[in-house]
Amino acid sequence: MKRFDTSAMFSFEKYIASERFAPYQRAHTSVQQQRELYLWNIELSQELNKTIGHAEIFLREAIDQQLRSWNLNQPVVPGLIQDQTGRSLHRQDPRRRTSGGSEEWLKHPSRKISNLILSKRGHRFVSEYDSAFTRAQKDLNARVLSHPRHGAAVTHDDVLAHITLGTWKRLLPDGRLNTTARLNRDQVRTKNSQLDLWVQALSHAFPYERNPYVVSYRLTQIHVARNRVAHHESLLNMQVRQVHRATVRLVGAIDPQLGSWLANESQVIECWKRRP
């Protein structure tokens, strides 16, 4: 870690919100050490973000491959015009689309996937597909004229790239629902959908980890860390080594060689050891 001469350093901390810089002030009394710790935290965040980024790409591909083929083989169910009460569905309600029988499992999800990626907002249902599609469309529209895909239509892969880690987490069995306590109807439906999806499809995405709750727990650790990094928060009190281990092991559940490659490629632990 590069050391700085406090007397020669510009006081950049004056331009950082006091609450954001406070963890570094609590950690050291020396202004120079506070600055070094802040810069180290940025470096660590960058390294962790790279490692999680690799894992997210591998996770996305592993899950997508399984759900493409699984959803294609599910029965095709026509879209609805009205809900169970006879009320006409909004023209953008995802339930109007056909479901199943398609590799585009995000746009035409079978019932089990629908139970996990559709949510209710007021009187309407919304889908993770539509939110991701909107983000993908904005990115396509922002491309310069010289971009090879300028003006291209949004594809399944474009939408897939804009699905959040939280969505991947919802597809996996939730450890909080693995309980003997009484669950409400929605929780039971979620639990059953997740377990069925794991047995029929997603277990094949993680052939080297038989326990779905282990996979889900590791992804939860990664998700929390990813949010911290994305919001430029302090990592001083985060168990970085545990998060790194969870990330490598999650990828190793897809393929042990891939996990080993990620462990060797990652600079997270080396950076963590350089803490001022």
C-alpha atoms as a PDB file:
ATOM      1  CA  MET A   1       0.000   0.000   0.000  1.00  0.00           C
ATOM      2  CA  LYS A   2       1.408   3.353  -1.006  1.00  0.00           C
ATOM      3  CA  ARG A   3       2.211   5.686   1.883  1.00  0.00           C
ATOM      4  CA  PHE A   4       1.471   9.369   1.637  1.00  0.00           C
ATOM      5  CA  ASP A   5       3.108  12.432   3.130  1.00  0.00           C
ATOM      6  CA  THR A   6       0.326  14.126   5.065  1.00  0.00           C
ATOM      7  CA  SER A   7       1.907  17.542   4.739  1.00  0.00           C
ATOM      8  CA  ALA A   8       1.979  17.259   0.946  1.00  0.00           C
ATOM      9  CA  MET A   9      -1.419  15.610   0.449  1.00  0.00           C
ATOM     10  CA  PHE A  10      -4.455  17.573  -0.657  1.00  0.00           C
ATOM     11  CA  SER A  11      -7.247  17.364   1.937  1.00  0.00           C
ATOM     12  CA  PHE A  12      -9.663  15.404  -0.250  1.00  0.00           C
ATOM     13  CA  GLU A  13     -11.658  14.280   2.782  1.00  0.00           C
ATOM     14  CA  LYS A  14     -13.191  17.767   2.975  1.00  0.00           C
ATOM     15  CA  TYR A  15     -15.198  16.797  -0.100  1.00  0.00           C
ATOM     16  CA  ILE A  16     -16.497  13.542   1.357  1.00  0.00           C
ATOM     17  CA  ALA A  17     -19.679  13.483   3.441  1.00  0.00           C
ATOM     18  CA  SER A  18     -18.816  13.378   7.130  1.00  0.00           C
ATOM     19  CA  GLU A  19     -20.875  10.218   7.739  1.00  0.00           C
ATOM     20  CA  ARG A  20     -19.110   8.448   4.882  1.00  0.00           C
ATOM     21  CA  PHE A  21     -15.646   9.339   6.161  1.00  0.00           C
ATOM     22  CA  ALA A  22     -16.512   8.709   9.828  1.00  0.00           C
ATOM     23  CA  PRO A  23     -15.596   4.953   9.855  1.00  0.00           C
ATOM     24  CA  TYR A  24     -12.029   5.826   8.896  1.00  0.00           C
ATOM     25  CA  GLN A  25     -11.833   8.535  11.543  1.00  0.00           C
ATOM     26  CA  ARG A  26     -13.018   6.079  14.159  1.00  0.00           C
ATOM     27  CA  ALA A  27     -10.415   3.560  13.052  1.00  0.00           C
ATOM     28  CA  HIS A  28      -7.417   5.916  13.316  1.00  0.00           C
ATOM     29  CA  THR A  29      -6.556   9.166  15.043  1.00  0.00           C
ATOM     30  CA  SER A  30      -3.925  10.032  12.442  1.00  0.00           C
ATOM     31  CA  VAL A  31      -5.302  11.954   9.443  1.00  0.00           C
ATOM     32  CA  GLN A  32      -2.731  10.318   7.193  1.00  0.00           C
ATOM     33  CA  GLN A  33      -3.831   6.851   8.283  1.00  0.00           C
ATOM     34  CA  GLN A  34      -7.480   7.800   7.837  1.00  0.00           C
ATOM     35  CA  ARG A  35      -6.760   8.815   4.260  1.00  0.00           C
ATOM     36  CA  GLU A  36      -4.750   5.690   3.555  1.00  0.00           C
ATOM     37  CA  LEU A  37      -7.497   3.534   5.003  1.00  0.00           C
ATOM     38  CA  TYR A  38     -10.087   5.266   2.850  1.00  0.00           C
ATOM     39  CA  LEU A  39      -8.005   4.719  -0.302  1.00  0.00           C
ATOM     40  CA  TRP A  40      -7.351   1.116   0.693  1.00  0.00           C
ATOM     41  CA  ASN A  41     -11.102   0.584   1.113  1.00  0.00           C
ATOM     42  CA  ILE A  42     -11.631   1.822  -2.440  1.00  0.00           C
ATOM     43  CA  GLU A  43      -8.964  -0.549  -3.717  1.00  0.00           C
ATOM     44  CA  LEU A  44     -10.491  -3.464  -1.789  1.00  0.00           C
ATOM     45  CA  SER A  45     -13.961  -2.601  -3.109  1.00  0.00           C
ATOM     46  CA  GLN A  46     -12.652  -2.640  -6.667  1.00  0.00           C
ATOM     47  CA  GLU A  47     -11.021  -6.035  -6.214  1.00  0.00           C
ATOM     48  CA  LEU A  48     -14.090  -7.495  -4.534  1.00  0.00           C
ATOM     49  CA  ASN A  49     -16.316  -6.067  -7.241  1.00  0.00           C
ATOM     50  CA  LYS A  50     -14.197  -7.750  -9.934  1.00  0.00           C
ATOM     51  CA  THR A  51     -14.368 -11.117  -8.197  1.00  0.00           C
ATOM     52  CA  ILE A  52     -18.120 -10.889  -7.583  1.00  0.00           C
ATOM     53  CA  GLY A  53     -18.558  -9.713 -11.171  1.00  0.00           C
ATOM     54  CA  HIS A  54     -16.900 -12.879 -12.459  1.00  0.00           C
ATOM     55  CA  ALA A  55     -19.073 -14.998 -10.168  1.00  0.00           C
ATOM     56  CA  GLU A  56     -22.247 -13.220 -11.262  1.00  0.00           C
ATOM     57  CA  ILE A  57     -21.485 -13.891 -14.930  1.00  0.00           C
ATOM     58  CA  PHE A  58     -20.804 -17.585 -14.261  1.00  0.00           C
ATOM     59  CA  LEU A  59     -23.916 -17.867 -12.085  1.00  0.00           C
ATOM     60  CA  ARG A  60     -26.077 -16.199 -14.712  1.00  0.00           C
ATOM     61  CA  GLU A  61     -24.892 -18.529 -17.462  1.00  0.00           C
ATOM     62  CA  ALA A  62     -25.241 -21.682 -15.361  1.00  0.00           C
ATOM     63  CA  ILE A  63     -28.810 -20.875 -14.310  1.00  0.00           C
ATOM     64  CA  ASP A  64     -29.868 -19.588 -17.716  1.00  0.00           C
ATOM     65  CA  GLN A  65     -28.718 -22.742 -19.519  1.00  0.00           C
ATOM     66  CA  GLN A  66     -30.837 -24.907 -17.248  1.00  0.00           C
ATOM     67  CA  LEU A  67     -33.932 -22.708 -17.256  1.00  0.00           C
ATOM     68  CA  ARG A  68     -33.886 -22.278 -21.031  1.00  0.00           C
ATOM     69  CA  SER A  69     -34.237 -26.011 -21.627  1.00  0.00           C
ATOM     70  CA  TRP A  70     -36.502 -26.635 -18.634  1.00  0.00           C
ATOM     71  CA  ASN A  71     -38.965 -23.844 -19.465  1.00  0.00           C
ATOM     72  CA  LEU A  72     -39.043 -24.902 -23.130  1.00  0.00           C
ATOM     73  CA  ASN A  73     -40.397 -28.284 -22.062  1.00  0.00           C
ATOM     74  CA  GLN A  74     -43.142 -26.880 -19.831  1.00  0.00           C
ATOM     75  CA  PRO A  75     -46.757 -26.793 -21.055  1.00  0.00           C
ATOM     76  CA  VAL A  76     -47.782 -23.682 -22.942  1.00  0.00           C
ATOM     77  CA  VAL A  77     -50.434 -21.774 -21.026  1.00  0.00           C
ATOM     78  CA  PRO A  78     -52.359 -19.025 -22.872  1.00  0.00           C
ATOM     79  CA  GLY A  79     -52.236 -15.534 -21.454  1.00  0.00           C
ATOM     80  CA  LEU A  80     -55.106 -14.147 -19.413  1.00  0.00           C
ATOM     81  CA  ILE A  81     -57.344 -11.192 -20.166  1.00  0.00           C
ATOM     82  CA  GLN A  82     -59.056 -11.119 -16.782  1.00  0.00           C
ATOM     83  CA  ASP A  83     -57.993 -12.045 -13.262  1.00  0.00           C
ATOM     84  CA  GLN A  84     -59.834 -14.510 -11.023  1.00  0.00           C
ATOM     85  CA  THR A  85     -62.337 -11.852  -9.968  1.00  0.00           C
ATOM     86  CA  GLY A  86     -63.260 -11.012 -13.558  1.00  0.00           C
ATOM     87  CA  ARG A  87     -61.394  -7.705 -13.547  1.00  0.00           C
ATOM     88  CA  SER A  88     -59.692  -6.864 -16.845  1.00  0.00           C
ATOM     89  CA  LEU A  89     -55.919  -7.056 -16.653  1.00  0.00           C
ATOM     90  CA  HIS A  90     -53.816  -3.988 -17.403  1.00  0.00           C
ATOM     91  CA  ARG A  91     -52.404  -4.088 -20.930  1.00  0.00           C
ATOM     92  CA  GLN A  92     -48.888  -4.315 -19.466  1.00  0.00           C
ATOM     93  CA  ASP A  93     -49.732  -7.022 -16.947  1.00  0.00           C
ATOM     94  CA  PRO A  94     -47.253  -9.893 -17.489  1.00  0.00           C
ATOM     95  CA  ARG A  95     -50.036 -12.438 -16.999  1.00  0.00           C
ATOM     96  CA  ARG A  96     -51.375 -11.484 -20.442  1.00  0.00           C
ATOM     97  CA  ARG A  97     -48.385 -13.197 -22.036  1.00  0.00           C
ATOM     98  CA  THR A  98     -48.323 -16.917 -22.751  1.00  0.00           C
ATOM     99  CA  SER A  99     -46.196 -18.932 -20.341  1.00  0.00           C
ATOM    100  CA  GLY A 100     -44.021 -22.002 -20.727  1.00  0.00           C
ATOM    101  CA  GLY A 101     -42.956 -23.650 -23.975  1.00  0.00           C
ATOM    102  CA  SER A 102     -40.212 -21.097 -24.599  1.00  0.00           C
ATOM    103  CA  GLU A 103     -36.490 -20.703 -23.975  1.00  0.00           C
ATOM    104  CA  GLU A 104     -37.280 -17.115 -22.977  1.00  0.00           C
ATOM    105  CA  TRP A 105     -38.092 -18.122 -19.423  1.00  0.00           C
ATOM    106  CA  LEU A 106     -38.001 -14.527 -18.232  1.00  0.00           C
ATOM    107  CA  LYS A 107     -40.582 -13.296 -20.732  1.00  0.00           C
ATOM    108  CA  HIS A 108     -42.712 -16.463 -20.821  1.00  0.00           C
ATOM    109  CA  PRO A 109     -42.111 -18.109 -17.440  1.00  0.00           C
ATOM    110  CA  SER A 110     -43.902 -21.306 -16.536  1.00  0.00           C
ATOM    111  CA  ARG A 111     -45.997 -21.264 -13.390  1.00  0.00           C
ATOM    112  CA  LYS A 112     -43.202 -22.205 -10.981  1.00  0.00           C
ATOM    113  CA  ILE A 113     -40.920 -19.439 -12.277  1.00  0.00           C
ATOM    114  CA  SER A 114     -43.825 -16.971 -12.392  1.00  0.00           C
ATOM    115  CA  ASN A 115     -44.410 -17.566  -8.689  1.00  0.00           C
ATOM    116  CA  LEU A 116     -40.874 -16.303  -8.060  1.00  0.00           C
ATOM    117  CA  ILE A 117     -40.350 -13.426 -10.527  1.00  0.00           C
ATOM    118  CA  LEU A 118     -43.828 -11.887 -10.533  1.00  0.00           C
ATOM    119  CA  SER A 119     -44.856  -9.614  -7.685  1.00  0.00           C
ATOM    120  CA  LYS A 120     -47.971  -7.632  -6.862  1.00  0.00           C
ATOM    121  CA  ARG A 121     -48.045  -3.846  -6.749  1.00  0.00           C
ATOM    122  CA  GLY A 122     -51.449  -2.562  -5.833  1.00  0.00           C
ATOM    123  CA  HIS A 123     -53.942  -4.159  -8.234  1.00  0.00           C
ATOM    124  CA  ARG A 124     -51.232  -4.970 -10.797  1.00  0.00           C
ATOM    125  CA  PHE A 125     -48.661  -7.691 -11.190  1.00  0.00           C
ATOM    126  CA  VAL A 126     -45.177  -6.775 -12.394  1.00  0.00           C
ATOM    127  CA  SER A 127     -42.395  -8.988 -13.677  1.00  0.00           C
ATOM    128  CA  GLU A 128     -38.640  -8.829 -13.246  1.00  0.00           C
ATOM    129  CA  TYR A 129     -38.531  -9.261 -17.017  1.00  0.00           C
ATOM    130  CA  ASP A 130     -40.215  -5.928 -17.709  1.00  0.00           C
ATOM    131  CA  SER A 131     -37.957  -4.021 -15.323  1.00  0.00           C
ATOM    132  CA  ALA A 132     -34.840  -5.587 -16.847  1.00  0.00           C
ATOM    133  CA  PHE A 133     -36.174  -5.032 -20.383  1.00  0.00           C
ATOM    134  CA  THR A 134     -36.626  -1.324 -19.674  1.00  0.00           C
ATOM    135  CA  ARG A 135     -33.037  -1.032 -18.407  1.00  0.00           C
ATOM    136  CA  ALA A 136     -31.738  -2.970 -21.412  1.00  0.00           C
ATOM    137  CA  GLN A 137     -33.699  -0.751 -23.819  1.00  0.00           C
ATOM    138  CA  LYS A 138     -32.248   2.387 -22.248  1.00  0.00           C
ATOM    139  CA  ASP A 139     -28.741   1.019 -22.641  1.00  0.00           C
ATOM    140  CA  LEU A 140     -29.367   0.157 -26.297  1.00  0.00           C
ATOM    141  CA  ASN A 141     -30.769   3.612 -26.990  1.00  0.00           C
ATOM    142  CA  ALA A 142     -27.718   5.207 -25.385  1.00  0.00           C
ATOM    143  CA  ARG A 143     -25.275   3.479 -27.724  1.00  0.00           C
ATOM    144  CA  VAL A 144     -23.334   5.637 -30.165  1.00  0.00           C
ATOM    145  CA  LEU A 145     -23.937   5.336 -33.901  1.00  0.00           C
ATOM    146  CA  SER A 146     -20.656   3.489 -34.388  1.00  0.00           C
ATOM    147  CA  HIS A 147     -21.609   0.723 -31.953  1.00  0.00           C
ATOM    148  CA  PRO A 148     -22.059  -2.606 -33.801  1.00  0.00           C
ATOM    149  CA  ARG A 149     -25.448  -3.139 -32.120  1.00  0.00           C
ATOM    150  CA  HIS A 150     -26.774   0.407 -32.420  1.00  0.00           C
ATOM    151  CA  GLY A 151     -30.511   0.237 -33.071  1.00  0.00           C
ATOM    152  CA  ALA A 152     -30.680  -3.508 -32.483  1.00  0.00           C
ATOM    153  CA  ALA A 153     -33.710  -5.049 -30.806  1.00  0.00           C
ATOM    154  CA  VAL A 154     -33.509  -6.143 -27.178  1.00  0.00           C
ATOM    155  CA  THR A 155     -32.771  -9.868 -26.918  1.00  0.00           C
ATOM    156  CA  HIS A 156     -33.157 -12.423 -24.140  1.00  0.00           C
ATOM    157  CA  ASP A 157     -29.429 -12.100 -23.448  1.00  0.00           C
ATOM    158  CA  ASP A 158     -29.750  -8.309 -23.124  1.00  0.00           C
ATOM    159  CA  VAL A 159     -32.515  -8.719 -20.564  1.00  0.00           C
ATOM    160  CA  LEU A 160     -30.580 -11.456 -18.793  1.00  0.00           C
ATOM    161  CA  ALA A 161     -27.603  -9.126 -18.341  1.00  0.00           C
ATOM    162  CA  HIS A 162     -29.845  -6.648 -16.520  1.00  0.00           C
ATOM    163  CA  ILE A 163     -31.318  -9.116 -14.031  1.00  0.00           C
ATOM    164  CA  THR A 164     -30.211  -8.288 -10.493  1.00  0.00           C
ATOM    165  CA  LEU A 165     -28.514 -10.643  -8.044  1.00  0.00           C
ATOM    166  CA  GLY A 166     -31.648 -10.404  -5.925  1.00  0.00           C
ATOM    167  CA  THR A 167     -33.630 -12.101  -8.678  1.00  0.00           C
ATOM    168  CA  TRP A 168     -31.194 -15.000  -8.909  1.00  0.00           C
ATOM    169  CA  LYS A 169     -31.473 -15.353  -5.150  1.00  0.00           C
ATOM    170  CA  ARG A 170     -35.271 -15.591  -5.317  1.00  0.00           C
ATOM    171  CA  LEU A 171     -35.036 -18.513  -7.721  1.00  0.00           C
ATOM    172  CA  LEU A 172     -33.121 -20.604  -5.180  1.00  0.00           C
ATOM    173  CA  PRO A 173     -34.610 -22.237  -2.070  1.00  0.00           C
ATOM    174  CA  ASP A 174     -34.811 -19.701   0.747  1.00  0.00           C
ATOM    175  CA  GLY A 175     -33.295 -20.958   4.000  1.00  0.00           C
ATOM    176  CA  ARG A 176     -35.730 -18.818   5.996  1.00  0.00           C
ATOM    177  CA  LEU A 177     -38.568 -20.973   4.651  1.00  0.00           C
ATOM    178  CA  ASN A 178     -36.796 -24.189   5.641  1.00  0.00           C
ATOM    179  CA  THR A 179     -38.570 -24.262   8.975  1.00  0.00           C
ATOM    180  CA  THR A 180     -41.112 -26.222  10.955  1.00  0.00           C
ATOM    181  CA  ALA A 181     -42.904 -22.983  11.797  1.00  0.00           C
ATOM    182  CA  ARG A 182     -46.252 -22.388  10.146  1.00  0.00           C
ATOM    183  CA  LEU A 183     -45.995 -20.555   6.825  1.00  0.00           C
ATOM    184  CA  ASN A 184     -48.675 -18.467   5.151  1.00  0.00           C
ATOM    185  CA  ARG A 185     -50.074 -19.384   1.742  1.00  0.00           C
ATOM    186  CA  ASP A 186     -47.702 -17.178  -0.229  1.00  0.00           C
ATOM    187  CA  GLN A 187     -44.698 -18.529   1.642  1.00  0.00           C
ATOM    188  CA  VAL A 188     -45.773 -22.107   1.030  1.00  0.00           C
ATOM    189  CA  ARG A 189     -46.202 -21.384  -2.678  1.00  0.00           C
ATOM    190  CA  THR A 190     -42.762 -19.765  -2.834  1.00  0.00           C
ATOM    191  CA  LYS A 191     -41.106 -22.604  -0.932  1.00  0.00           C
ATOM    192  CA  ASN A 192     -42.689 -25.296  -3.109  1.00  0.00           C
ATOM    193  CA  SER A 193     -41.839 -23.459  -6.330  1.00  0.00           C
ATOM    194  CA  GLN A 194     -38.225 -22.974  -5.292  1.00  0.00           C
ATOM    195  CA  LEU A 195     -37.773 -26.591  -4.222  1.00  0.00           C
ATOM    196  CA  ASP A 196     -39.441 -27.970  -7.362  1.00  0.00           C
ATOM    197  CA  LEU A 197     -37.335 -25.695  -9.559  1.00  0.00           C
ATOM    198  CA  TRP A 198     -34.189 -26.833  -7.750  1.00  0.00           C
ATOM    199  CA  VAL A 199     -34.957 -30.540  -8.148  1.00  0.00           C
ATOM    200  CA  GLN A 200     -36.079 -30.279 -11.770  1.00  0.00           C
ATOM    201  CA  ALA A 201     -33.585 -27.724 -13.118  1.00  0.00           C
ATOM    202  CA  LEU A 202     -31.286 -25.676 -10.929  1.00  0.00           C
ATOM    203  CA  SER A 203     -29.582 -28.572  -9.166  1.00  0.00           C
ATOM    204  CA  HIS A 204     -27.988 -29.273 -12.558  1.00  0.00           C
ATOM    205  CA  ALA A 205     -26.506 -25.773 -12.562  1.00  0.00           C
ATOM    206  CA  PHE A 206     -24.659 -26.595  -9.333  1.00  0.00           C
ATOM    207  CA  PRO A 207     -23.712 -30.275  -9.710  1.00  0.00           C
ATOM    208  CA  TYR A 208     -20.983 -30.078  -7.063  1.00  0.00           C
ATOM    209  CA  GLU A 209     -23.235 -28.875  -4.220  1.00  0.00           C
ATOM    210  CA  ARG A 210     -26.257 -30.987  -3.389  1.00  0.00           C
ATOM    211  CA  ASN A 211     -27.645 -28.756  -0.640  1.00  0.00           C
ATOM    212  CA  PRO A 212     -29.664 -25.898  -2.187  1.00  0.00           C
ATOM    213  CA  TYR A 213     -29.628 -23.940   1.050  1.00  0.00           C
ATOM    214  CA  VAL A 214     -25.826 -23.834   1.003  1.00  0.00           C
ATOM    215  CA  VAL A 215     -25.923 -22.369  -2.509  1.00  0.00           C
ATOM    216  CA  SER A 216     -28.585 -19.877  -1.460  1.00  0.00           C
ATOM    217  CA  TYR A 217     -26.696 -18.823   1.681  1.00  0.00           C
ATOM    218  CA  ARG A 218     -23.496 -18.193  -0.252  1.00  0.00           C
ATOM    219  CA  LEU A 219     -25.374 -16.141  -2.812  1.00  0.00           C
ATOM    220  CA  THR A 220     -26.960 -14.110   0.001  1.00  0.00           C
ATOM    221  CA  GLN A 221     -23.499 -13.306   1.389  1.00  0.00           C
ATOM    222  CA  ILE A 222     -22.377 -12.195  -2.061  1.00  0.00           C
ATOM    223  CA  HIS A 223     -25.530 -10.132  -2.575  1.00  0.00           C
ATOM    224  CA  VAL A 224     -25.025  -8.199   0.670  1.00  0.00           C
ATOM    225  CA  ALA A 225     -21.374  -7.514  -0.171  1.00  0.00           C
ATOM    226  CA  ARG A 226     -22.280  -6.492  -3.728  1.00  0.00           C
ATOM    227  CA  ASN A 227     -24.707  -3.888  -2.415  1.00  0.00           C
ATOM    228  CA  ARG A 228     -22.112  -2.506  -0.013  1.00  0.00           C
ATOM    229  CA  VAL A 229     -19.583  -2.169  -2.795  1.00  0.00           C
ATOM    230  CA  ALA A 230     -22.093  -0.692  -5.245  1.00  0.00           C
ATOM    231  CA  HIS A 231     -22.981   2.062  -2.774  1.00  0.00           C
ATOM    232  CA  HIS A 232     -19.317   2.799  -1.974  1.00  0.00           C
ATOM    233  CA  GLU A 233     -19.803   1.878   1.661  1.00  0.00           C
ATOM    234  CA  SER A 234     -17.057   1.057   4.121  1.00  0.00           C
ATOM    235  CA  LEU A 235     -15.939  -2.578   4.192  1.00  0.00           C
ATOM    236  CA  LEU A 236     -14.025  -2.168   7.460  1.00  0.00           C
ATOM    237  CA  ASN A 237     -16.486  -4.241   9.476  1.00  0.00           C
ATOM    238  CA  MET A 238     -17.403  -6.715   6.766  1.00  0.00           C
ATOM    239  CA  GLN A 239     -16.064 -10.275   6.899  1.00  0.00           C
ATOM    240  CA  VAL A 240     -14.258  -9.943   3.583  1.00  0.00           C
ATOM    241  CA  ARG A 241     -12.454 -13.271   3.755  1.00  0.00           C
ATOM    242  CA  GLN A 242     -15.727 -15.109   4.400  1.00  0.00           C
ATOM    243  CA  VAL A 243     -17.407 -13.334   1.490  1.00  0.00           C
ATOM    244  CA  HIS A 244     -14.477 -14.175  -0.755  1.00  0.00           C
ATOM    245  CA  ARG A 245     -14.613 -17.817   0.336  1.00  0.00           C
ATOM    246  CA  ALA A 246     -18.366 -17.951  -0.297  1.00  0.00           C
ATOM    247  CA  THR A 247     -17.853 -16.482  -3.779  1.00  0.00           C
ATOM    248  CA  VAL A 248     -15.168 -18.985  -4.734  1.00  0.00           C
ATOM    249  CA  ARG A 249     -17.154 -21.920  -3.341  1.00  0.00           C
ATOM    250  CA  LEU A 250     -20.332 -20.844  -5.113  1.00  0.00           C
ATOM    251  CA  VAL A 251     -18.448 -20.843  -8.414  1.00  0.00           C
ATOM    252  CA  GLY A 252     -16.824 -24.136  -7.430  1.00  0.00           C
ATOM    253  CA  ALA A 253     -20.306 -25.640  -7.070  1.00  0.00           C
ATOM    254  CA  ILE A 254     -20.728 -24.958 -10.794  1.00  0.00           C
ATOM    255  CA  ASP A 255     -17.299 -26.368 -11.654  1.00  0.00           C
ATOM    256  CA  PRO A 256     -14.400 -26.952  -9.221  1.00  0.00           C
ATOM    257  CA  GLN A 257     -11.850 -25.936 -11.858  1.00  0.00           C
ATOM    258  CA  LEU A 258     -13.719 -22.686 -12.399  1.00  0.00           C
ATOM    259  CA  GLY A 259     -13.673 -22.055  -8.649  1.00  0.00           C
ATOM    260  CA  SER A 260      -9.926 -22.698  -8.540  1.00  0.00           C
ATOM    261  CA  TRP A 261      -9.382 -20.322 -11.437  1.00  0.00           C
ATOM    262  CA  LEU A 262     -11.356 -17.588  -9.683  1.00  0.00           C
ATOM    263  CA  ALA A 263      -9.416 -18.096  -6.438  1.00  0.00           C
ATOM    264  CA  ASN A 264      -6.128 -17.699  -8.320  1.00  0.00           C
ATOM    265  CA  GLU A 265      -7.365 -14.762 -10.380  1.00  0.00           C
ATOM    266  CA  SER A 266      -8.768 -12.814  -7.441  1.00  0.00           C
ATOM    267  CA  GLN A 267      -6.610 -10.254  -5.639  1.00  0.00           C
ATOM    268  CA  VAL A 268      -9.102  -9.715  -2.809  1.00  0.00           C
ATOM    269  CA  ILE A 269      -7.169 -11.518  -0.064  1.00  0.00           C
ATOM    270  CA  GLU A 270      -3.844  -9.937  -1.050  1.00  0.00           C
ATOM    271  CA  CYS A 271      -5.455  -6.510  -0.929  1.00  0.00           C
ATOM    272  CA  TRP A 272      -7.211  -7.288   2.368  1.00  0.00           C
ATOM    273  CA  LYS A 273      -3.858  -8.158   3.941  1.00  0.00           C
ATOM    274  CA  ARG A 274      -2.501  -4.711   3.039  1.00  0.00           C
ATOM    275  CA  ARG A 275      -4.920  -2.910   5.347  1.00  0.00           C
ATOM    276  CA  PRO A 276      -3.139   0.141   6.842  1.00  0.00           C
END
